[in-house]
Amino acid sequence: MAIAAALVIVPLGVLFFVSGLVINFIQAVCFLLIRPLSKKTYRRINREVAGLLWLELVWLIDWWAGVKIELYTDSETFKLMGKEHALVICNHKSDIDWLVGWVLAERSGCLGSSLAVMKKSSKFLPVIGWSMWFSEYLFLERSWAKDESTLKSGLQGLRDFPRPFWLALFVEGTRFTQAKLLAAQEYASSAGLPVPRNVLIPRTKGFVTAVSHLRSFAPAIYDVTVAIPKTSPAPTMLRLFKGQSSVVHVHLKRHLMKDLPETDEAVAQWCKDAFVAKDKLLDKHIAEDSFGEQLQDTARPVKSLLVVCSWAILLILGTLKVIQRYSLLSSRKGAALSAIALAVVTILMQILIQFSQSERSTPAKVAPSKSRNGVEPSSRN
């Protein structure tokens, strides 16, 4: 079984990391040569270049694994998706919530301008993390003395972003597990708060900071709720690479930023109330295995398939030329170098898979309000 999985995962890893390194190189050149002259032009170019990398992962969901993502939202919100700046808050339900977000961003036409607040270590992840850094994701160290200026300047820097962006903020601060839910329930009981059943207690400081800096130019908050139907296995990176399908239900509710309260305390309470409502919504989903009748058509486009096929053809032709020119497989040295390259790709794929696993994410603190800075780095933390 492990050998069969490796025979599938390694070629995909070679394709992803080789093409990703090419994209990283293009991003680096643009960063060094174009950004000093025109930040706006750099952002436009990087949006398209980064999108080529993200499309490979979208292909992994859409065409390789065949994961079905069902979006529940009203028709007016559906039409506005991708046409406006938005702060996205979401429960952190599965290992691939970030990928689900990319799929919806791709459907909405803003994949290359999707951003997130993340922990600093994420930017050192080969290929993906490097591309996120070039794309101006916000990386935090979980030390408010260091992160306050980073977060505020990063948010303010989005004011002149040339295309509609989504900024994801996972305000629970970590991915959902039963152990973390138990800790959250114990804290809520001791603090006299509503006891959650399906979500963790949000850490609101980062949300308040984001709202205070974005409300003047980002018109909306997308309140996203992710759920896995009872009949579907939870999606993971390993399942994706193996080509194993799942179903993911996504509920999206649009709130106008101008309708939020003015004071920081009231904004924080709004966030807490939103997660209480999210908890009840998930109760309903558990009972009905659905978010309702407002299911939108998000059929998979062929763009990601064309991108992956193009990279695959280029990689195969390039590999054959290199093998022919340097006789890699006809000498011990060449065979050894090829084996080392495949081993490196295998290790990198293992790192990516393990980095995405909920069980390896940072345990939730019993008292969210007592965290070091209250900021919620998103995705894979």
Foldseek 3Di string as FASTA:
>chain_A
DVVVLLVLQLVLLVLLQVLLVVLLVVLVVCVVPPCVPPVQVSLVVLLVSLLLNLLLLLCLACPQQNAAEWEFDAPVVLLCQFQFAAEEEEFQEALCPVNVVLLSNVLSVRNSQEEEFAAQVQLVQRSVSVSNVSNLHQHDPLACVPRVVSLLVSLLVCQVHPGHYYYYFHQLQAHDDPVLLVLQQVLCVVVVHPRFDRGHQGLCPQVLSNLVSCLVGGFKYKYKYKDFFPVFDGDAPSSSSVSHYGYMYMYIDIDTSVPQDDDSVSNSVVVRVSVVVSRVQVVVCNVVVHSDDRIDDSRDDCPSVVSSVVSVVVVVVVVVVVCVVVVLVVDPNSVVVVVVVSVVSVVSSVCVRVLSHRVPMDRDDSDLNPRNNSGRRDRSD
